[in-house]
């Protein structure tokens, strides 16, 4: 939530002890990268103190359903505090599957019946690089965390560029293609 100066990360499939050990380092790395991305975009030369609060959470199990439910709760909270918004989605799964509106091999539909924010908010699809779905079998958690920490600032930059292009073209931001032709 750039307007709130917050970033939330949720990971599943980790041993709880390992996750808790990784939490402080992940939160600090993400806060530093987002602060650098924000100060670089505004041209103020970089700040020493993070201006973005980060929170890393972990869900039990390996099901994507728990992660989707976590995301829906976070989006509801952001919507209550900040009003309307747009969900920027960078995923290989179709939006309808994540909303619980289409059959999915990855997401259990009956657990997603009560989603509200994901179903009601406009969703803007961000490009999902093919390489993001291929990760090492061993030590995948650390790899994906580092990858994600670098991805969030890129998504903020992509969003700012997309807003500018859509304003110039007179397009609704969620109706433009993921990548301009």
N, C-alpha and C. Protein backbone atom coordinates (compact mmCIF):
# COMPACT_ATOMS: atom_id res chain seq x y z
N UNK A 1 0.84 -1.18 0.00
CA UNK A 1 0.00 0.00 0.00
C UNK A 1 0.89 1.24 0.00
N UNK A 2 1.27 1.76 -1.16
CA UNK A 2 2.15 2.92 -1.21
C UNK A 2 1.57 4.14 -0.49
N UNK A 3 0.25 4.34 -0.56
CA UNK A 3 -0.35 5.50 0.08
C UNK A 3 -0.21 5.44 1.59
N UNK A 4 -0.23 4.24 2.15
CA UNK A 4 -0.09 4.07 3.59
C UNK A 4 1.37 3.93 4.01
N UNK A 5 2.29 3.82 3.07
CA UNK A 5 3.70 3.64 3.39
C UNK A 5 3.98 2.30 4.04
N UNK A 6 3.26 1.28 3.58
CA UNK A 6 3.40 -0.05 4.17
C UNK A 6 3.58 -1.09 3.07
N UNK A 7 4.29 -2.15 3.43
CA UNK A 7 4.41 -3.31 2.54
C UNK A 7 4.22 -4.55 3.39
N UNK A 8 3.40 -5.46 2.90
CA UNK A 8 3.13 -6.69 3.61
C UNK A 8 3.56 -7.86 2.75
N UNK A 9 4.15 -8.84 3.38
CA UNK A 9 4.61 -10.04 2.70
C UNK A 9 4.09 -11.23 3.49
N UNK A 10 3.58 -12.22 2.80
CA UNK A 10 3.14 -13.45 3.46
C UNK A 10 3.72 -14.63 2.70
N UNK A 11 4.33 -15.52 3.45
CA UNK A 11 4.95 -16.71 2.86
C UNK A 11 4.33 -17.95 3.47
N UNK A 12 4.16 -18.97 2.66
CA UNK A 12 3.66 -20.25 3.13
C UNK A 12 4.63 -21.35 2.76
N UNK A 13 4.45 -22.51 3.36
CA UNK A 13 5.29 -23.65 3.02
C UNK A 13 6.62 -23.69 3.76
N UNK A 14 6.77 -22.83 4.76
CA UNK A 14 8.01 -22.81 5.54
C UNK A 14 7.78 -23.43 6.91
N UNK A 15 8.83 -23.97 7.47
CA UNK A 15 8.80 -24.39 8.86
C UNK A 15 8.64 -23.12 9.71
N UNK A 16 7.71 -23.09 10.68
CA UNK A 16 7.49 -21.87 11.47
C UNK A 16 8.74 -21.33 12.15
N UNK A 17 9.59 -22.21 12.64
CA UNK A 17 10.82 -21.77 13.30
C UNK A 17 11.75 -21.08 12.31
N UNK A 18 11.89 -21.66 11.13
CA UNK A 18 12.72 -21.07 10.09
C UNK A 18 12.16 -19.71 9.66
N UNK A 19 10.85 -19.63 9.54
CA UNK A 19 10.21 -18.38 9.15
C UNK A 19 10.46 -17.28 10.16
N UNK A 20 10.30 -17.59 11.43
CA UNK A 20 10.51 -16.58 12.47
C UNK A 20 11.97 -16.12 12.50
N UNK A 21 12.89 -17.02 12.22
CA UNK A 21 14.31 -16.65 12.19
C UNK A 21 14.60 -15.72 11.02
N UNK A 22 13.88 -15.88 9.92
CA UNK A 22 14.10 -15.06 8.72
C UNK A 22 13.40 -13.70 8.79
N UNK A 23 12.37 -13.57 9.62
CA UNK A 23 11.51 -12.39 9.63
C UNK A 23 12.26 -11.06 9.77
N UNK A 24 13.11 -10.86 10.79
CA UNK A 24 13.75 -9.54 10.94
C UNK A 24 14.60 -9.14 9.73
N UNK A 25 15.36 -10.07 9.20
CA UNK A 25 16.20 -9.76 8.04
C UNK A 25 15.37 -9.43 6.81
N UNK A 26 14.28 -10.17 6.60
CA UNK A 26 13.41 -9.91 5.46
C UNK A 26 12.74 -8.55 5.58
N UNK A 27 12.24 -8.22 6.77
CA UNK A 27 11.58 -6.93 6.97
C UNK A 27 12.54 -5.78 6.74
N UNK A 28 13.76 -5.91 7.25
CA UNK A 28 14.75 -4.85 7.08
C UNK A 28 15.15 -4.70 5.61
N UNK A 29 15.43 -5.81 4.93
CA UNK A 29 15.84 -5.75 3.52
C UNK A 29 14.74 -5.15 2.65
N UNK A 30 13.51 -5.55 2.89
CA UNK A 30 12.40 -5.03 2.10
C UNK A 30 12.20 -3.54 2.37
N UNK A 31 12.27 -3.12 3.63
CA UNK A 31 12.12 -1.69 3.96
C UNK A 31 13.21 -0.86 3.29
N UNK A 32 14.44 -1.34 3.32
CA UNK A 32 15.55 -0.60 2.70
C UNK A 32 15.36 -0.49 1.19
N UNK A 33 14.99 -1.59 0.54
CA UNK A 33 14.82 -1.56 -0.92
C UNK A 33 13.66 -0.67 -1.33
N UNK A 34 12.57 -0.71 -0.58
CA UNK A 34 11.43 0.14 -0.91
C UNK A 34 11.73 1.60 -0.66
N UNK A 35 12.48 1.88 0.40
CA UNK A 35 12.86 3.26 0.68
C UNK A 35 13.76 3.79 -0.43
N UNK A 36 14.72 2.98 -0.87
CA UNK A 36 15.60 3.39 -1.98
C UNK A 36 14.79 3.61 -3.25
N UNK A 37 13.86 2.72 -3.53
CA UNK A 37 13.05 2.86 -4.74
C UNK A 37 12.21 4.13 -4.66
N UNK A 38 11.65 4.42 -3.50
CA UNK A 38 10.84 5.62 -3.33
C UNK A 38 11.64 6.89 -3.41
N UNK A 39 12.83 6.91 -2.79
CA UNK A 39 13.65 8.12 -2.82
C UNK A 39 14.28 8.32 -4.20
N UNK A 40 14.57 7.23 -4.90
CA UNK A 40 15.10 7.36 -6.26
C UNK A 40 14.07 7.92 -7.21
N UNK A 41 12.81 7.55 -7.01
CA UNK A 41 11.75 8.06 -7.88
C UNK A 41 11.46 9.52 -7.62
N UNK A 42 11.63 9.96 -6.35
CA UNK A 42 11.32 11.35 -6.04
C UNK A 42 12.52 12.26 -6.24
N UNK A 43 13.71 11.68 -6.38
CA UNK A 43 14.90 12.48 -6.65
C UNK A 43 15.48 13.20 -5.45
N UNK A 44 15.18 12.76 -4.23
CA UNK A 44 15.70 13.46 -3.06
C UNK A 44 17.02 12.89 -2.56
N UNK A 45 17.62 11.97 -3.30
CA UNK A 45 18.96 11.53 -3.00
C UNK A 45 19.08 10.38 -2.02
N UNK A 46 18.00 9.80 -1.57
CA UNK A 46 18.08 8.64 -0.68
C UNK A 46 18.07 9.05 0.77
N UNK A 47 17.30 8.35 1.55
CA UNK A 47 17.17 8.64 2.97
C UNK A 47 17.83 7.54 3.77
N UNK A 48 18.33 7.88 4.95
CA UNK A 48 18.99 6.89 5.78
C UNK A 48 17.98 6.05 6.57
N UNK A 49 16.81 6.59 6.85
CA UNK A 49 15.81 5.90 7.65
C UNK A 49 14.71 5.36 6.74
N UNK A 50 14.31 4.09 6.91
CA UNK A 50 13.24 3.58 6.06
C UNK A 50 11.95 4.37 6.24
N UNK A 51 11.31 4.75 5.14
CA UNK A 51 10.05 5.46 5.19
C UNK A 51 8.89 4.51 4.91
N UNK A 52 9.19 3.26 4.69
CA UNK A 52 8.18 2.26 4.44
C UNK A 52 8.22 1.24 5.57
N UNK A 53 7.07 1.03 6.21
CA UNK A 53 6.99 -0.01 7.23
C UNK A 53 6.73 -1.33 6.54
N UNK A 54 7.40 -2.37 6.99
CA UNK A 54 7.20 -3.68 6.39
C UNK A 54 6.79 -4.67 7.47
N UNK A 55 5.99 -5.62 7.07
CA UNK A 55 5.58 -6.68 7.98
C UNK A 55 5.58 -7.99 7.20
N UNK A 56 6.33 -8.95 7.69
CA UNK A 56 6.40 -10.27 7.07
C UNK A 56 5.60 -11.23 7.93
N UNK A 57 4.69 -11.96 7.30
CA UNK A 57 3.86 -12.95 7.98
C UNK A 57 4.07 -14.31 7.34
N UNK A 58 3.71 -15.33 8.07
CA UNK A 58 3.82 -16.70 7.57
C UNK A 58 2.50 -17.41 7.83
N UNK A 59 2.03 -18.19 6.86
CA UNK A 59 0.83 -19.00 7.06
C UNK A 59 1.24 -20.46 7.08
N UNK A 60 0.50 -21.23 7.87
CA UNK A 60 0.80 -22.66 8.00
C UNK A 60 0.35 -23.40 6.74
N UNK A 61 1.03 -24.46 6.45
CA UNK A 61 0.65 -25.30 5.33
C UNK A 61 1.20 -24.82 4.01
N UNK A 62 0.87 -25.58 2.99
CA UNK A 62 1.38 -25.29 1.65
C UNK A 62 0.28 -24.88 0.68
N UNK A 63 -0.93 -24.70 1.17
CA UNK A 63 -2.05 -24.36 0.31
C UNK A 63 -2.03 -22.88 -0.06
N UNK A 64 -2.34 -22.59 -1.31
CA UNK A 64 -2.46 -21.20 -1.74
C UNK A 64 -3.71 -20.55 -1.16
N UNK A 65 -4.69 -21.35 -0.76
CA UNK A 65 -5.93 -20.80 -0.21
C UNK A 65 -5.65 -19.94 1.01
N UNK A 66 -4.77 -20.39 1.89
CA UNK A 66 -4.45 -19.61 3.09
C UNK A 66 -3.79 -18.29 2.72
N UNK A 67 -2.93 -18.30 1.70
CA UNK A 67 -2.30 -17.05 1.26
C UNK A 67 -3.32 -16.09 0.64
N UNK A 68 -4.26 -16.62 -0.13
CA UNK A 68 -5.28 -15.77 -0.75
C UNK A 68 -6.18 -15.17 0.33
N UNK A 69 -6.53 -15.96 1.33
CA UNK A 69 -7.35 -15.44 2.43
C UNK A 69 -6.59 -14.36 3.20
N UNK A 70 -5.29 -14.56 3.41
CA UNK A 70 -4.47 -13.55 4.09
C UNK A 70 -4.47 -12.26 3.27
N UNK A 71 -4.29 -12.37 1.95
CA UNK A 71 -4.28 -11.19 1.09
C UNK A 71 -5.62 -10.47 1.13
N UNK A 72 -6.71 -11.21 1.15
CA UNK A 72 -8.03 -10.58 1.21
C UNK A 72 -8.20 -9.80 2.51
N UNK A 73 -7.76 -10.36 3.63
CA UNK A 73 -7.85 -9.64 4.91
C UNK A 73 -7.02 -8.36 4.89
N UNK A 74 -5.83 -8.43 4.32
CA UNK A 74 -4.97 -7.24 4.23
C UNK A 74 -5.59 -6.18 3.34
N UNK A 75 -6.16 -6.59 2.22
CA UNK A 75 -6.80 -5.64 1.31
C UNK A 75 -8.03 -5.00 1.97
N UNK A 76 -8.78 -5.77 2.74
CA UNK A 76 -9.92 -5.20 3.48
C UNK A 76 -9.44 -4.15 4.47
N UNK A 77 -8.36 -4.46 5.18
CA UNK A 77 -7.80 -3.51 6.15
C UNK A 77 -7.33 -2.23 5.46
N UNK A 78 -6.63 -2.37 4.35
CA UNK A 78 -6.15 -1.19 3.61
C UNK A 78 -7.32 -0.37 3.08
N UNK A 79 -8.35 -1.03 2.63
CA UNK A 79 -9.52 -0.34 2.10
C UNK A 79 -10.24 0.44 3.22
N UNK A 80 -10.32 -0.14 4.42
CA UNK A 80 -10.93 0.56 5.55
C UNK A 80 -10.14 1.80 5.94
N UNK A 81 -8.81 1.69 5.92
CA UNK A 81 -7.96 2.80 6.36
C UNK A 81 -7.73 3.85 5.30
N UNK A 82 -7.71 3.45 4.02
CA UNK A 82 -7.32 4.37 2.96
C UNK A 82 -8.42 4.64 1.94
N UNK A 83 -9.53 3.99 2.07
CA UNK A 83 -10.59 4.17 1.07
C UNK A 83 -10.38 3.25 -0.11
N UNK A 84 -10.80 3.69 -1.27
CA UNK A 84 -10.70 2.88 -2.48
C UNK A 84 -9.27 2.60 -2.89
N UNK A 85 -9.10 1.62 -3.71
CA UNK A 85 -7.77 1.28 -4.19
C UNK A 85 -7.85 0.30 -5.35
N UNK A 86 -6.70 -0.03 -5.87
CA UNK A 86 -6.57 -0.99 -6.95
C UNK A 86 -5.59 -2.05 -6.48
N UNK A 87 -5.93 -3.30 -6.69
CA UNK A 87 -5.04 -4.41 -6.35
C UNK A 87 -4.16 -4.68 -7.57
N UNK A 88 -2.85 -4.55 -7.41
CA UNK A 88 -1.91 -4.88 -8.49
C UNK A 88 -1.49 -6.33 -8.27
N UNK A 89 -1.77 -7.17 -9.24
CA UNK A 89 -1.55 -8.60 -9.12
C UNK A 89 -0.46 -9.06 -10.07
N UNK A 90 0.59 -9.63 -9.51
CA UNK A 90 1.68 -10.20 -10.30
C UNK A 90 1.71 -11.69 -9.99
N UNK A 91 1.01 -12.48 -10.78
CA UNK A 91 0.85 -13.90 -10.50
C UNK A 91 0.66 -14.65 -11.80
N UNK A 92 1.07 -15.93 -11.79
CA UNK A 92 0.84 -16.75 -12.96
C UNK A 92 -0.59 -17.28 -12.99
N UNK A 93 -1.32 -17.18 -11.88
CA UNK A 93 -2.70 -17.65 -11.83
C UNK A 93 -3.65 -16.59 -12.35
N UNK A 94 -4.69 -16.99 -13.05
CA UNK A 94 -5.69 -16.02 -13.52
C UNK A 94 -6.41 -15.35 -12.35
N UNK A 95 -6.86 -14.15 -12.56
CA UNK A 95 -7.56 -13.38 -11.53
C UNK A 95 -8.79 -14.12 -11.03
N UNK A 96 -9.55 -14.74 -11.91
CA UNK A 96 -10.77 -15.44 -11.51
C UNK A 96 -10.48 -16.58 -10.54
N UNK A 97 -9.36 -17.27 -10.71
CA UNK A 97 -9.00 -18.34 -9.78
C UNK A 97 -8.67 -17.79 -8.40
N UNK A 98 -7.95 -16.68 -8.37
CA UNK A 98 -7.58 -16.09 -7.08
C UNK A 98 -8.78 -15.47 -6.37
N UNK A 99 -9.78 -15.07 -7.12
CA UNK A 99 -11.00 -14.53 -6.53
C UNK A 99 -11.97 -15.64 -6.11
N UNK A 100 -11.67 -16.88 -6.48
CA UNK A 100 -12.56 -17.98 -6.17
C UNK A 100 -13.74 -18.08 -7.11
N UNK A 101 -13.63 -17.50 -8.30
CA UNK A 101 -14.74 -17.47 -9.25
C UNK A 101 -14.60 -18.50 -10.36
N UNK A 102 -13.47 -19.16 -10.45
CA UNK A 102 -13.24 -20.16 -11.50
C UNK A 102 -12.57 -21.38 -10.87
N UNK A 103 -12.81 -22.55 -11.44
CA UNK A 103 -12.16 -23.76 -10.92
C UNK A 103 -10.64 -23.62 -10.97
N UNK A 104 -9.99 -24.17 -9.96
CA UNK A 104 -8.54 -24.06 -9.90
C UNK A 104 -7.94 -25.31 -9.30
N UNK A 105 -6.84 -25.73 -9.85
CA UNK A 105 -6.07 -26.83 -9.29
C UNK A 105 -5.31 -26.37 -8.05
N UNK A 106 -4.98 -25.09 -7.97
CA UNK A 106 -4.12 -24.56 -6.93
C UNK A 106 -4.86 -24.00 -5.72
N UNK A 107 -6.07 -23.51 -5.92
CA UNK A 107 -6.80 -22.83 -4.85
C UNK A 107 -8.11 -23.57 -4.59
N UNK A 108 -8.36 -23.93 -3.33
CA UNK A 108 -9.60 -24.61 -2.95
C UNK A 108 -10.75 -23.61 -2.92
N UNK A 109 -11.71 -23.80 -3.80
CA UNK A 109 -12.79 -22.84 -3.98
C UNK A 109 -13.68 -22.69 -2.76
N UNK A 110 -13.99 -23.77 -2.06
CA UNK A 110 -14.92 -23.65 -0.93
C UNK A 110 -14.35 -22.82 0.21
N UNK A 111 -13.04 -22.72 0.31
CA UNK A 111 -12.43 -21.89 1.35
C UNK A 111 -12.43 -20.42 0.96
N UNK A 112 -12.74 -20.11 -0.28
CA UNK A 112 -12.68 -18.73 -0.75
C UNK A 112 -14.06 -18.11 -0.95
N UNK A 113 -15.09 -18.77 -0.47
CA UNK A 113 -16.46 -18.27 -0.67
C UNK A 113 -16.71 -16.91 -0.03
N UNK A 114 -16.00 -16.61 1.03
CA UNK A 114 -16.27 -15.39 1.79
C UNK A 114 -15.30 -14.26 1.47
N UNK A 115 -14.56 -14.37 0.40
CA UNK A 115 -13.68 -13.28 0.00
C UNK A 115 -14.52 -12.07 -0.38
N UNK A 116 -14.09 -10.90 0.07
CA UNK A 116 -14.82 -9.70 -0.32
C UNK A 116 -13.92 -8.73 -1.06
N UNK A 117 -12.79 -8.39 -0.48
CA UNK A 117 -11.92 -7.37 -1.09
C UNK A 117 -11.43 -7.80 -2.46
N UNK A 118 -10.98 -9.04 -2.59
CA UNK A 118 -10.47 -9.51 -3.88
C UNK A 118 -11.56 -9.54 -4.95
N UNK A 119 -12.79 -9.76 -4.54
CA UNK A 119 -13.89 -9.79 -5.51
C UNK A 119 -14.39 -8.41 -5.86
N UNK A 120 -14.30 -7.46 -4.92
CA UNK A 120 -14.88 -6.14 -5.13
C UNK A 120 -13.90 -5.12 -5.69
N UNK A 121 -12.62 -5.29 -5.41
CA UNK A 121 -11.62 -4.31 -5.85
C UNK A 121 -11.27 -4.52 -7.32
N UNK A 122 -11.00 -3.43 -8.02
CA UNK A 122 -10.46 -3.61 -9.37
C UNK A 122 -9.06 -4.22 -9.29
N UNK A 123 -8.77 -5.12 -10.20
CA UNK A 123 -7.48 -5.80 -10.22
C UNK A 123 -6.75 -5.41 -11.49
N UNK A 124 -5.53 -4.97 -11.33
CA UNK A 124 -4.67 -4.60 -12.45
C UNK A 124 -3.56 -5.65 -12.52
N UNK A 125 -3.46 -6.34 -13.63
CA UNK A 125 -2.47 -7.40 -13.78
C UNK A 125 -1.12 -6.82 -14.17
N UNK A 126 -0.11 -7.15 -13.38
CA UNK A 126 1.27 -6.77 -13.69
C UNK A 126 1.93 -7.94 -14.41
N UNK A 127 2.93 -7.66 -15.23
CA UNK A 127 3.62 -8.75 -15.94
C UNK A 127 4.25 -9.74 -14.95
N UNK A 128 4.11 -11.01 -15.24
CA UNK A 128 4.70 -12.06 -14.41
C UNK A 128 5.76 -12.76 -15.24
N UNK A 129 7.04 -12.48 -14.95
CA UNK A 129 8.12 -13.12 -15.72
C UNK A 129 8.13 -14.64 -15.52
N UNK A 130 8.31 -15.37 -16.58
CA UNK A 130 8.33 -16.83 -16.53
C UNK A 130 9.36 -17.34 -15.52
N UNK A 131 10.49 -16.66 -15.41
CA UNK A 131 11.55 -17.09 -14.49
C UNK A 131 11.15 -17.06 -13.03
N UNK A 132 10.10 -16.30 -12.69
CA UNK A 132 9.66 -16.23 -11.30
C UNK A 132 8.99 -17.51 -10.83
N UNK A 133 8.58 -18.37 -11.76
CA UNK A 133 7.93 -19.61 -11.34
C UNK A 133 8.91 -20.79 -11.31
N UNK A 134 10.16 -20.54 -11.61
CA UNK A 134 11.19 -21.58 -11.55
C UNK A 134 12.18 -21.22 -10.46
N UNK A 135 12.22 -22.03 -9.42
CA UNK A 135 13.12 -21.73 -8.31
C UNK A 135 13.78 -23.01 -7.84
N UNK A 136 14.90 -22.89 -7.12
CA UNK A 136 15.64 -24.08 -6.69
C UNK A 136 14.84 -24.92 -5.69
N UNK A 137 15.02 -26.22 -5.75
CA UNK A 137 14.32 -27.12 -4.83
C UNK A 137 14.86 -26.99 -3.41
N UNK A 138 16.15 -26.78 -3.28
CA UNK A 138 16.75 -26.60 -1.96
C UNK A 138 16.91 -25.12 -1.66
N UNK A 139 16.62 -24.75 -0.46
CA UNK A 139 16.73 -23.36 0.01
C UNK A 139 15.87 -22.41 -0.82
N UNK A 140 14.71 -22.91 -1.28
CA UNK A 140 13.82 -22.09 -2.10
C UNK A 140 13.27 -20.90 -1.34
N UNK A 141 13.07 -21.05 -0.03
CA UNK A 141 12.46 -19.97 0.74
C UNK A 141 13.32 -18.72 0.71
N UNK A 142 14.62 -18.88 0.95
CA UNK A 142 15.51 -17.72 0.92
C UNK A 142 15.57 -17.12 -0.49
N UNK A 143 15.60 -17.98 -1.51
CA UNK A 143 15.66 -17.51 -2.89
C UNK A 143 14.43 -16.67 -3.22
N UNK A 144 13.24 -17.19 -2.89
CA UNK A 144 12.01 -16.48 -3.25
C UNK A 144 11.87 -15.19 -2.44
N UNK A 145 12.36 -15.19 -1.21
CA UNK A 145 12.30 -13.96 -0.40
C UNK A 145 13.18 -12.88 -0.99
N UNK A 146 14.38 -13.24 -1.40
CA UNK A 146 15.27 -12.25 -2.04
C UNK A 146 14.66 -11.77 -3.36
N UNK A 147 14.10 -12.70 -4.11
CA UNK A 147 13.48 -12.35 -5.39
C UNK A 147 12.31 -11.39 -5.18
N UNK A 148 11.48 -11.68 -4.17
CA UNK A 148 10.33 -10.83 -3.89
C UNK A 148 10.76 -9.46 -3.40
N UNK A 149 11.77 -9.41 -2.55
CA UNK A 149 12.24 -8.11 -2.04
C UNK A 149 12.71 -7.22 -3.18
N UNK A 150 13.27 -7.80 -4.23
CA UNK A 150 13.67 -7.02 -5.39
C UNK A 150 12.52 -6.72 -6.34
N UNK A 151 11.46 -7.55 -6.29
CA UNK A 151 10.32 -7.40 -7.19
C UNK A 151 9.41 -6.23 -6.79
N UNK A 152 9.21 -6.01 -5.49
CA UNK A 152 8.26 -4.99 -5.04
C UNK A 152 8.65 -3.59 -5.52
N UNK A 153 9.91 -3.17 -5.38
CA UNK A 153 10.25 -1.85 -5.94
C UNK A 153 10.04 -1.77 -7.45
N UNK A 154 10.29 -2.87 -8.17
CA UNK A 154 10.04 -2.88 -9.61
C UNK A 154 8.55 -2.70 -9.90
N UNK A 155 7.70 -3.32 -9.09
CA UNK A 155 6.26 -3.18 -9.29
C UNK A 155 5.80 -1.75 -9.02
N UNK A 156 6.37 -1.10 -8.00
CA UNK A 156 6.02 0.30 -7.75
C UNK A 156 6.40 1.16 -8.95
N UNK A 157 7.58 0.92 -9.52
CA UNK A 157 8.00 1.66 -10.72
C UNK A 157 7.10 1.35 -11.90
N UNK A 158 6.75 0.09 -12.08
CA UNK A 158 5.85 -0.31 -13.17
C UNK A 158 4.50 0.39 -13.01
N UNK A 159 4.00 0.47 -11.77
CA UNK A 159 2.71 1.10 -11.51
C UNK A 159 2.75 2.59 -11.84
N UNK A 160 3.80 3.28 -11.43
CA UNK A 160 3.91 4.72 -11.73
C UNK A 160 3.96 4.95 -13.25
N UNK A 161 4.72 4.11 -13.95
CA UNK A 161 4.81 4.23 -15.41
C UNK A 161 3.45 3.93 -16.06
N UNK A 162 2.78 2.93 -15.58
CA UNK A 162 1.46 2.56 -16.12
C UNK A 162 0.46 3.69 -15.92
N UNK A 163 0.44 4.30 -14.73
CA UNK A 163 -0.46 5.42 -14.47
C UNK A 163 -0.20 6.56 -15.46
N UNK A 164 1.08 6.87 -15.66
CA UNK A 164 1.42 7.96 -16.58
C UNK A 164 0.97 7.64 -18.01
N UNK A 165 1.23 6.41 -18.48
CA UNK A 165 0.83 6.03 -19.83
C UNK A 165 -0.69 6.04 -20.00
N UNK A 166 -1.40 5.57 -18.99
CA UNK A 166 -2.87 5.54 -19.08
C UNK A 166 -3.46 6.94 -19.05
N UNK A 167 -2.84 7.84 -18.28
CA UNK A 167 -3.32 9.23 -18.28
C UNK A 167 -3.14 9.86 -19.65
N UNK A 168 -1.98 9.63 -20.24
CA UNK A 168 -1.70 10.19 -21.57
C UNK A 168 -2.65 9.61 -22.61
N UNK A 169 -2.88 8.29 -22.55
CA UNK A 169 -3.72 7.62 -23.54
C UNK A 169 -5.22 7.75 -23.24
N UNK A 170 -5.56 8.22 -22.05
CA UNK A 170 -6.97 8.34 -21.69
C UNK A 170 -7.64 7.00 -21.44
N UNK A 171 -6.86 6.01 -20.98
CA UNK A 171 -7.38 4.67 -20.71
C UNK A 171 -7.60 4.47 -19.21
N UNK A 172 -8.64 3.72 -18.83
CA UNK A 172 -8.74 3.30 -17.43
C UNK A 172 -7.54 2.39 -17.11
N UNK A 173 -6.94 2.58 -15.96
CA UNK A 173 -5.68 1.92 -15.63
C UNK A 173 -5.79 0.39 -15.65
N UNK A 174 -6.93 -0.16 -15.29
CA UNK A 174 -7.08 -1.62 -15.27
C UNK A 174 -7.44 -2.20 -16.64
N UNK A 175 -7.71 -1.36 -17.62
CA UNK A 175 -8.08 -1.84 -18.95
C UNK A 175 -6.90 -1.93 -19.91
N UNK A 176 -5.78 -1.35 -19.55
CA UNK A 176 -4.60 -1.39 -20.42
C UNK A 176 -3.96 -2.77 -20.35
N UNK A 177 -3.26 -3.19 -21.41
CA UNK A 177 -2.57 -4.48 -21.36
C UNK A 177 -1.43 -4.46 -20.35
N UNK A 178 -1.02 -5.67 -19.90
CA UNK A 178 0.07 -5.76 -18.92
C UNK A 178 1.33 -5.08 -19.43
N UNK A 179 1.66 -5.32 -20.68
CA UNK A 179 2.83 -4.71 -21.30
C UNK A 179 2.38 -3.93 -22.52
N UNK A 180 2.81 -2.67 -22.66
CA UNK A 180 2.45 -1.91 -23.86
C UNK A 180 3.04 -2.57 -25.10
N UNK A 181 2.30 -2.51 -26.18
CA UNK A 181 2.74 -3.15 -27.43
C UNK A 181 3.84 -2.34 -28.08
